Amino acid sequence: MLDAVEVAGALEEGLQAWLVPGLLALFAVIATYITYRVTLALVRRFSERRTVPRLFLDAAAKALGVVTSLLVLQAMLNASPDDLPLLPAVEQTTLLLLILALTWAAVRLTSVIGEVIVLLNPVLEGQWKRARKVETQTRFLVRCLNVLIVIVGIGAALMTFESVQRIGASLLASAGVGGIILGFAARPVLSNLLAGMQIALTQPFRIDDVLYVQDEWCWVEEVTATYVVLRVWDLRRLIVPLQWFIEHPFQNWSRSSSELLVPVFIWVDYTMPIEPLRQEFSRLLHNLPQWDGILATVQVTDSNDQAVQVRFLMSAPDSTQSWDLRCAIREGLVTFIQQNYPSQLPRLRARLMDTSPEFGDDTPAEVKPEGG
């Protein structure tokens, strides 16, 4: 074994050998990074913020700076003497960092594609459906592409190690079995990725669509590669895997248009006249800004042995205003009946039976229906 003197001597000799090449490499990296930052500042100073090249540059600025510095460092190491101590290990580390930096830059550049496509397809008046369709498809495809880039980058980084290369060569001999095992292990992830591709192409919903999912009224807030973030009306977030939308039915309240028909049901007594309700319903609608003025109907839609059901059907421009409109109409009609026709509210009719001995057990007393 080497004693402490020999180890110290070898360490001093290695540091002396690396002194000049190391300082040159450090100086080159610092100079390159400073030059890059100055150039970046000048480009930002004389370019508009919301242009396509500027969006790509701002998204990947940090990653490109790291990539440029590592490229210069790799070039300096290649120009160094071959007899430098630990040179192969330093070169491998630099190559590994370069691959990771390139993966980072590729992910950043790919992520900004969505913003560029949204910028090139603004939401024009009357074309909101097309704009949301483009945005949803882009987000799906960009996230799937990012997953693919990360997988390729990690694989390339691992292949820089000789041990991993040997393992990879042995795995190629049994690729069939390994592929089956990997397929079963990654089935949930792959199924969500495939579901995301299917949703991106078929468009059952888009960003900002109003859905009714699992008894929750919500908006599509975010779409990732494996799940969808739904914003519930009370600001809760519902996280649903993409595969769920392929396997289960759900309601899309803004699939083709945002307009909705809004029903309000009220039960009243048989003696309640319908025409005053119809007039009050029309008066309420004309005083409410949530009504779009397209549809307003009043119909008796059901009856039972105690009351009749009246349906008040109206239209609203979107789901949010439809809810407000429904609540306002229901409150106004109930108040109108309470103030003007309180005796016509639903009531329970009963028959009183006189069970006294002189009349017998089955002799009915006088029957007087309530509200009659």
Protein backbone atom coordinates (compact mmCIF):
# COMPACT_ATOMS: atom_id res chain seq x y z
CA MET A 1 0.00 0.00 0.00
CA LEU A 2 1.10 3.55 -0.67
CA ASP A 3 2.13 5.50 2.38
CA ALA A 4 1.05 9.05 3.13
CA VAL A 5 4.17 10.58 1.58
CA GLU A 6 3.62 8.82 -1.73
CA VAL A 7 -0.07 9.80 -1.79
CA ALA A 8 0.80 13.43 -1.08
CA GLY A 9 3.44 13.37 -3.78
CA ALA A 10 1.07 11.88 -6.34
CA LEU A 11 -1.60 14.45 -5.43
CA GLU A 12 0.87 17.34 -5.75
CA GLU A 13 2.09 16.02 -9.08
CA GLY A 14 -1.49 15.74 -10.35
CA LEU A 15 -2.34 19.27 -9.26
CA GLN A 16 0.76 20.63 -10.98
CA ALA A 17 -0.14 18.75 -14.16
CA TRP A 18 -3.69 20.17 -14.08
CA LEU A 19 -2.68 23.71 -13.12
CA VAL A 20 -2.20 25.19 -16.60
CA PRO A 21 -4.88 23.17 -18.47
CA GLY A 22 -7.35 23.70 -15.63
CA LEU A 23 -6.82 27.47 -15.51
CA LEU A 24 -7.11 27.71 -19.29
CA ALA A 25 -10.32 25.69 -19.27
CA LEU A 26 -11.76 27.76 -16.41
CA PHE A 27 -10.85 31.02 -18.14
CA ALA A 28 -12.40 29.82 -21.42
CA VAL A 29 -15.64 28.79 -19.68
CA ILE A 30 -15.93 32.09 -17.78
CA ALA A 31 -15.19 34.12 -20.90
CA THR A 32 -17.71 32.12 -22.91
CA TYR A 33 -20.42 32.53 -20.31
CA ILE A 34 -19.82 36.29 -19.99
CA THR A 35 -19.89 36.65 -23.77
CA TYR A 36 -23.12 34.65 -23.91
CA ARG A 37 -24.80 36.79 -21.25
CA VAL A 38 -23.77 40.03 -22.96
CA THR A 39 -25.02 38.75 -26.32
CA LEU A 40 -28.27 37.62 -24.72
CA ALA A 41 -28.80 41.02 -23.12
CA LEU A 42 -28.21 42.78 -26.43
CA VAL A 43 -30.62 40.51 -28.26
CA ARG A 44 -33.28 41.09 -25.62
CA ARG A 45 -32.66 44.81 -25.70
CA PHE A 46 -33.22 45.13 -29.45
CA SER A 47 -35.99 42.57 -29.95
CA GLU A 48 -39.68 42.57 -29.18
CA ARG A 49 -40.86 40.53 -26.24
CA ARG A 50 -43.81 38.67 -27.83
CA THR A 51 -42.15 37.41 -31.02
CA VAL A 52 -41.61 33.73 -31.81
CA PRO A 53 -37.75 33.76 -31.70
CA ARG A 54 -37.84 35.75 -28.46
CA LEU A 55 -40.19 33.23 -26.83
CA PHE A 56 -37.85 30.36 -27.67
CA LEU A 57 -34.83 32.34 -26.49
CA ASP A 58 -36.37 33.35 -23.16
CA ALA A 59 -37.57 29.81 -22.47
CA ALA A 60 -34.19 28.15 -23.01
CA ALA A 61 -31.80 30.99 -22.11
CA LYS A 62 -30.39 29.39 -18.94
CA ALA A 63 -30.15 25.93 -20.46
CA LEU A 64 -28.42 27.22 -23.60
CA GLY A 65 -25.90 29.09 -21.44
CA VAL A 66 -25.00 25.89 -19.61
CA VAL A 67 -24.78 23.96 -22.91
CA THR A 68 -22.46 26.57 -24.44
CA SER A 69 -20.17 26.56 -21.41
CA LEU A 70 -19.99 22.76 -21.34
CA LEU A 71 -19.23 22.61 -25.06
CA VAL A 72 -16.28 24.96 -24.57
CA LEU A 73 -15.11 22.92 -21.58
CA GLN A 74 -15.35 19.72 -23.60
CA ALA A 75 -13.31 21.29 -26.39
CA MET A 76 -10.63 22.44 -23.93
CA LEU A 77 -10.41 18.95 -22.40
CA ASN A 78 -10.03 17.39 -25.84
CA ALA A 79 -7.12 19.76 -26.54
CA SER A 80 -5.40 18.93 -23.24
CA PRO A 81 -2.47 16.46 -23.02
CA ASP A 82 -3.53 12.84 -22.95
CA ASP A 83 -1.33 12.02 -19.97
CA LEU A 84 -3.24 14.23 -17.52
CA PRO A 85 -4.31 12.32 -14.38
CA LEU A 86 -8.02 11.37 -14.27
CA LEU A 87 -8.60 12.97 -17.68
CA PRO A 88 -10.99 10.19 -18.88
CA ALA A 89 -13.13 10.55 -15.73
CA VAL A 90 -13.32 14.33 -16.11
CA GLU A 91 -14.23 14.00 -19.80
CA GLN A 92 -16.94 11.46 -19.01
CA THR A 93 -18.38 13.70 -16.30
CA THR A 94 -18.38 16.66 -18.67
CA LEU A 95 -20.07 14.57 -21.38
CA LEU A 96 -22.70 13.41 -18.89
CA LEU A 97 -23.44 16.97 -17.81
CA LEU A 98 -23.58 18.06 -21.46
CA ILE A 99 -26.16 15.39 -22.29
CA LEU A 100 -28.30 16.43 -19.32
CA ALA A 101 -27.99 20.09 -20.28
CA LEU A 102 -29.00 19.32 -23.87
CA THR A 103 -32.01 17.40 -22.57
CA TRP A 104 -32.93 20.36 -20.37
CA ALA A 105 -32.64 22.75 -23.34
CA ALA A 106 -34.69 20.46 -25.58
CA VAL A 107 -37.47 20.22 -22.98
CA ARG A 108 -37.55 23.99 -22.55
CA LEU A 109 -37.62 24.57 -26.31
CA THR A 110 -40.35 22.00 -26.75
CA SER A 111 -42.45 23.43 -23.92
CA VAL A 112 -42.56 26.84 -25.51
CA ILE A 113 -44.04 25.37 -28.71
CA GLY A 114 -47.43 25.45 -26.98
CA GLU A 115 -47.11 29.16 -26.22
CA VAL A 116 -46.01 29.87 -29.79
CA ILE A 117 -48.96 28.01 -31.30
CA VAL A 118 -51.38 29.76 -28.93
CA LEU A 119 -49.78 33.10 -29.89
CA LEU A 120 -50.18 32.33 -33.59
CA ASN A 121 -53.82 31.28 -33.07
CA PRO A 122 -55.40 34.04 -30.97
CA VAL A 123 -58.96 33.81 -29.72
CA LEU A 124 -60.89 35.88 -32.25
CA GLU A 125 -64.52 36.84 -31.89
CA GLY A 126 -66.69 33.88 -32.79
CA GLN A 127 -63.70 31.50 -33.09
CA TRP A 128 -63.13 30.54 -29.46
CA LYS A 129 -63.90 26.88 -30.21
CA ARG A 130 -61.10 26.57 -32.77
CA ALA A 131 -58.60 28.37 -30.52
CA ARG A 132 -59.34 26.11 -27.52
CA LYS A 133 -59.10 23.03 -29.74
CA VAL A 134 -55.64 24.04 -30.97
CA GLU A 135 -54.48 24.83 -27.43
CA THR A 136 -55.66 21.50 -26.03
CA GLN A 137 -54.08 19.43 -28.81
CA THR A 138 -50.82 21.35 -28.48
CA ARG A 139 -50.60 20.84 -24.73
CA PHE A 140 -51.15 17.10 -25.09
CA LEU A 141 -48.58 16.67 -27.83
CA VAL A 142 -45.97 18.90 -26.17
CA ARG A 143 -46.16 17.00 -22.87
CA CYS A 144 -45.90 13.64 -24.63
CA LEU A 145 -42.90 14.94 -26.57
CA ASN A 146 -41.29 16.16 -23.35
CA VAL A 147 -41.68 12.72 -21.79
CA LEU A 148 -40.04 11.16 -24.85
CA ILE A 149 -37.14 13.66 -24.73
CA VAL A 150 -36.51 12.99 -21.04
CA ILE A 151 -36.50 9.23 -21.61
CA VAL A 152 -34.04 9.53 -24.51
CA GLY A 153 -31.84 11.96 -22.55
CA ILE A 154 -31.66 9.73 -19.47
CA GLY A 155 -30.91 6.73 -21.68
CA ALA A 156 -28.12 8.58 -23.47
CA ALA A 157 -26.65 9.74 -20.16
CA LEU A 158 -26.64 6.20 -18.76
CA MET A 159 -25.03 4.83 -21.90
CA THR A 160 -21.90 6.89 -21.17
CA PHE A 161 -21.02 4.29 -18.50
CA GLU A 162 -19.35 1.12 -19.75
CA SER A 163 -21.14 -1.05 -17.21
CA VAL A 164 -24.51 0.19 -18.44
CA GLN A 165 -23.44 -0.46 -22.04
CA ARG A 166 -22.63 -4.06 -21.19
CA ILE A 167 -25.95 -4.46 -19.43
CA GLY A 168 -27.69 -2.96 -22.44
CA ALA A 169 -25.95 -5.38 -24.79
CA SER A 170 -27.09 -8.32 -22.67
CA LEU A 171 -30.62 -6.99 -22.50
CA LEU A 172 -30.83 -6.79 -26.27
CA ALA A 173 -30.47 -10.56 -26.39
CA SER A 174 -33.65 -10.92 -24.33
CA ALA A 175 -35.51 -7.89 -25.63
CA GLY A 176 -38.73 -9.83 -26.13
CA VAL A 177 -39.11 -10.92 -22.51
CA GLY A 178 -37.83 -7.60 -21.22
CA GLY A 179 -40.30 -5.74 -23.42
CA ILE A 180 -43.21 -7.78 -22.07
CA ILE A 181 -42.11 -7.22 -18.45
CA LEU A 182 -41.60 -3.51 -19.07
CA GLY A 183 -44.96 -3.27 -20.76
CA PHE A 184 -46.79 -4.77 -17.79
CA ALA A 185 -44.83 -2.61 -15.32
CA ALA A 186 -45.45 0.61 -17.23
CA ARG A 187 -49.02 -0.18 -18.26
CA PRO A 188 -50.67 2.62 -16.19
CA VAL A 189 -48.27 5.23 -17.54
CA LEU A 190 -48.49 4.01 -21.12
CA SER A 191 -52.28 3.76 -20.98
CA ASN A 192 -52.53 7.39 -19.84
CA LEU A 193 -50.11 8.51 -22.55
CA LEU A 194 -52.11 6.68 -25.22
CA ALA A 195 -55.34 8.07 -23.76
CA GLY A 196 -53.83 11.55 -23.97
CA MET A 197 -53.02 11.06 -27.64
CA GLN A 198 -56.55 9.82 -28.28
CA ILE A 199 -58.10 12.76 -26.45
CA ALA A 200 -55.83 15.20 -28.30
CA LEU A 201 -56.98 13.82 -31.65
CA THR A 202 -60.69 13.28 -30.93
CA GLN A 203 -61.22 16.34 -28.71
CA PRO A 204 -63.99 15.19 -26.31
CA PHE A 205 -63.11 18.27 -24.24
CA ARG A 206 -60.85 21.31 -24.47
CA ILE A 207 -59.20 23.80 -22.15
CA ASP A 208 -61.87 25.89 -20.32
CA ASP A 209 -64.69 23.51 -21.27
CA VAL A 210 -67.40 23.06 -18.65
CA LEU A 211 -67.72 19.41 -17.59
CA TYR A 212 -69.96 17.53 -15.20
CA VAL A 213 -67.74 14.79 -13.78
CA GLN A 214 -68.55 12.54 -10.82
CA ASP A 215 -71.42 14.79 -9.68
CA GLU A 216 -69.15 17.85 -9.81
CA TRP A 217 -69.63 20.94 -11.99
CA CYS A 218 -66.15 22.03 -13.07
CA TRP A 219 -63.93 23.62 -15.73
CA VAL A 220 -60.94 22.07 -17.51
CA GLU A 221 -58.06 24.06 -16.04
CA GLU A 222 -54.93 22.11 -17.04
CA VAL A 223 -54.11 19.09 -19.17
CA THR A 224 -50.91 17.14 -18.51
CA ALA A 225 -49.45 14.02 -20.12
CA THR A 226 -51.16 11.70 -17.61
CA TYR A 227 -54.01 13.57 -15.86
CA VAL A 228 -56.43 16.49 -16.13
CA VAL A 229 -56.88 19.22 -13.52
CA LEU A 230 -60.53 20.22 -13.15
CA ARG A 231 -61.46 23.39 -11.26
CA VAL A 232 -64.67 22.79 -9.31
CA TRP A 233 -67.15 25.63 -8.86
CA ASP A 234 -66.07 26.10 -5.22
CA LEU A 235 -62.38 26.40 -6.31
CA ARG A 236 -61.46 22.84 -5.35
CA ARG A 237 -59.28 20.94 -7.83
CA LEU A 238 -60.30 17.52 -9.09
CA ILE A 239 -57.42 15.44 -10.48
CA VAL A 240 -58.62 12.82 -12.97
CA PRO A 241 -56.38 10.40 -14.93
CA LEU A 242 -56.70 10.63 -18.69
CA GLN A 243 -57.64 6.97 -18.93
CA TRP A 244 -60.77 7.70 -16.87
CA PHE A 245 -62.20 9.89 -19.64
CA ILE A 246 -61.76 7.06 -22.14
CA GLU A 247 -63.49 4.46 -19.96
CA HIS A 248 -66.32 6.50 -18.36
CA PRO A 249 -69.06 8.79 -19.71
CA PHE A 250 -69.12 12.43 -18.67
CA GLN A 251 -71.07 15.55 -19.58
CA ASN A 252 -69.55 18.38 -21.61
CA TRP A 253 -71.70 21.47 -21.29
CA SER A 254 -69.72 23.53 -23.81
CA ARG A 255 -68.80 20.92 -26.45
CA SER A 256 -70.27 22.77 -29.42
CA SER A 257 -71.51 25.99 -27.80
CA SER A 258 -71.64 27.56 -24.37
CA GLU A 259 -75.40 28.30 -24.44
CA LEU A 260 -77.52 26.21 -22.08
CA LEU A 261 -81.20 25.65 -21.37
CA VAL A 262 -82.03 26.14 -17.71
CA PRO A 263 -85.08 24.50 -16.09
CA VAL A 264 -86.69 25.46 -12.78
CA PHE A 265 -89.36 23.16 -11.32
CA ILE A 266 -91.95 24.32 -8.78
CA TRP A 267 -94.75 22.30 -7.21
CA VAL A 268 -98.03 24.13 -6.56
CA ASP A 269 -101.55 23.19 -5.53
CA TYR A 270 -104.18 22.21 -8.12
CA THR A 271 -106.04 25.45 -7.43
CA MET A 272 -103.07 27.61 -8.49
CA PRO A 273 -103.71 29.51 -11.75
CA ILE A 274 -100.83 29.17 -14.23
CA GLU A 275 -101.22 32.45 -16.10
CA PRO A 276 -100.06 34.69 -13.19
CA LEU A 277 -96.97 32.50 -12.87
CA ARG A 278 -96.32 32.88 -16.58
CA GLN A 279 -96.57 36.66 -16.36
CA GLU A 280 -94.35 36.88 -13.28
CA PHE A 281 -91.79 34.59 -14.92
CA SER A 282 -91.64 36.88 -17.96
CA ARG A 283 -91.29 39.96 -15.76
CA LEU A 284 -88.45 38.41 -13.78
CA LEU A 285 -86.57 37.35 -16.89
CA HIS A 286 -86.65 40.81 -18.46
CA ASN A 287 -85.13 42.26 -15.29
CA LEU A 288 -82.27 39.75 -15.06
CA PRO A 289 -79.07 40.36 -17.08
CA GLN A 290 -78.24 36.62 -17.09
CA TRP A 291 -81.06 35.85 -19.54
CA ASP A 292 -80.01 35.98 -23.21
CA GLY A 293 -83.55 36.64 -24.47
CA ILE A 294 -83.76 33.53 -26.67
CA LEU A 295 -86.07 31.10 -24.87
CA ALA A 296 -88.70 31.36 -22.11
CA THR A 297 -91.49 28.79 -21.71
CA VAL A 298 -93.85 27.73 -18.90
CA GLN A 299 -95.40 24.25 -18.94
CA VAL A 300 -97.15 21.92 -16.50
CA THR A 301 -94.92 18.87 -16.79
CA ASP A 302 -96.14 16.54 -14.01
CA SER A 303 -98.83 15.97 -11.41
CA ASN A 304 -99.61 13.64 -8.54
CA ASP A 305 -102.37 13.19 -6.00
CA GLN A 306 -101.32 16.30 -4.07
CA ALA A 307 -99.87 18.94 -6.45
CA VAL A 308 -98.85 19.80 -10.00
CA GLN A 309 -95.32 20.46 -11.26
CA VAL A 310 -94.67 23.57 -13.33
CA ARG A 311 -91.48 23.82 -15.39
CA PHE A 312 -90.02 27.22 -16.19
CA LEU A 313 -87.52 26.80 -19.05
CA MET A 314 -85.14 29.58 -20.10
CA SER A 315 -81.81 30.02 -21.88
CA ALA A 316 -78.49 31.44 -20.70
CA PRO A 317 -75.26 32.30 -22.52
CA ASP A 318 -73.01 30.05 -20.38
CA SER A 319 -72.98 27.70 -17.42
CA THR A 320 -72.02 30.31 -14.82
CA GLN A 321 -74.84 32.67 -15.74
CA SER A 322 -77.27 29.75 -16.05
CA TRP A 323 -76.71 28.87 -12.41
CA ASP A 324 -77.25 32.46 -11.26
CA LEU A 325 -80.32 32.74 -13.47
CA ARG A 326 -81.84 29.53 -12.11
CA CYS A 327 -81.36 30.60 -8.49
CA ALA A 328 -82.79 34.09 -9.12
CA ILE A 329 -85.87 32.77 -10.93
CA ARG A 330 -86.58 30.14 -8.28
CA GLU A 331 -86.33 32.70 -5.49
CA GLY A 332 -88.50 35.22 -7.33
CA LEU A 333 -91.27 32.72 -8.13
CA VAL A 334 -91.37 31.31 -4.60
CA THR A 335 -91.60 34.86 -3.19
CA PHE A 336 -94.39 35.69 -5.67
CA ILE A 337 -96.45 32.66 -4.63
CA GLN A 338 -95.89 33.33 -0.92
CA GLN A 339 -97.02 36.94 -1.22
CA ASN A 340 -99.93 36.57 -3.67
CA TYR A 341 -101.12 32.95 -3.51
CA PRO A 342 -100.11 31.54 -0.12
CA SER A 343 -103.06 29.14 -0.01
CA GLN A 344 -101.99 27.58 -3.34
CA LEU A 345 -98.73 26.21 -2.01
CA PRO A 346 -98.52 22.38 -1.98
CA ARG A 347 -100.48 20.91 0.92
CA LEU A 348 -101.41 17.51 2.24
CA ARG A 349 -105.09 16.51 2.11
CA ALA A 350 -106.45 14.03 4.66
CA ARG A 351 -109.79 12.38 5.48
CA LEU A 352 -110.97 12.44 9.10
CA MET A 353 -112.69 9.28 10.28
CA ASP A 354 -115.16 9.32 13.23
CA THR A 355 -114.57 6.17 15.27
CA SER A 356 -117.22 6.85 17.99
CA PRO A 357 -119.45 3.86 18.95
CA GLU A 358 -122.70 5.43 17.84
CA PHE A 359 -121.46 5.83 14.25
CA GLY A 360 -119.46 2.64 14.02
CA ASP A 361 -115.81 2.21 13.18
CA ASP A 362 -116.13 2.86 9.44
CA THR A 363 -118.40 5.87 9.31
CA PRO A 364 -116.59 8.86 7.69
CA ALA A 365 -116.98 12.30 9.15
CA GLU A 366 -117.39 15.41 7.04
CA VAL A 367 -114.59 15.65 4.47
CA LYS A 368 -113.38 19.11 3.59
CA PRO A 369 -110.30 19.34 1.34
CA GLU A 370 -107.81 21.96 2.31
CA GLY A 371 -107.59 24.87 -0.04
CA GLY A 372 -110.96 23.93 -1.52
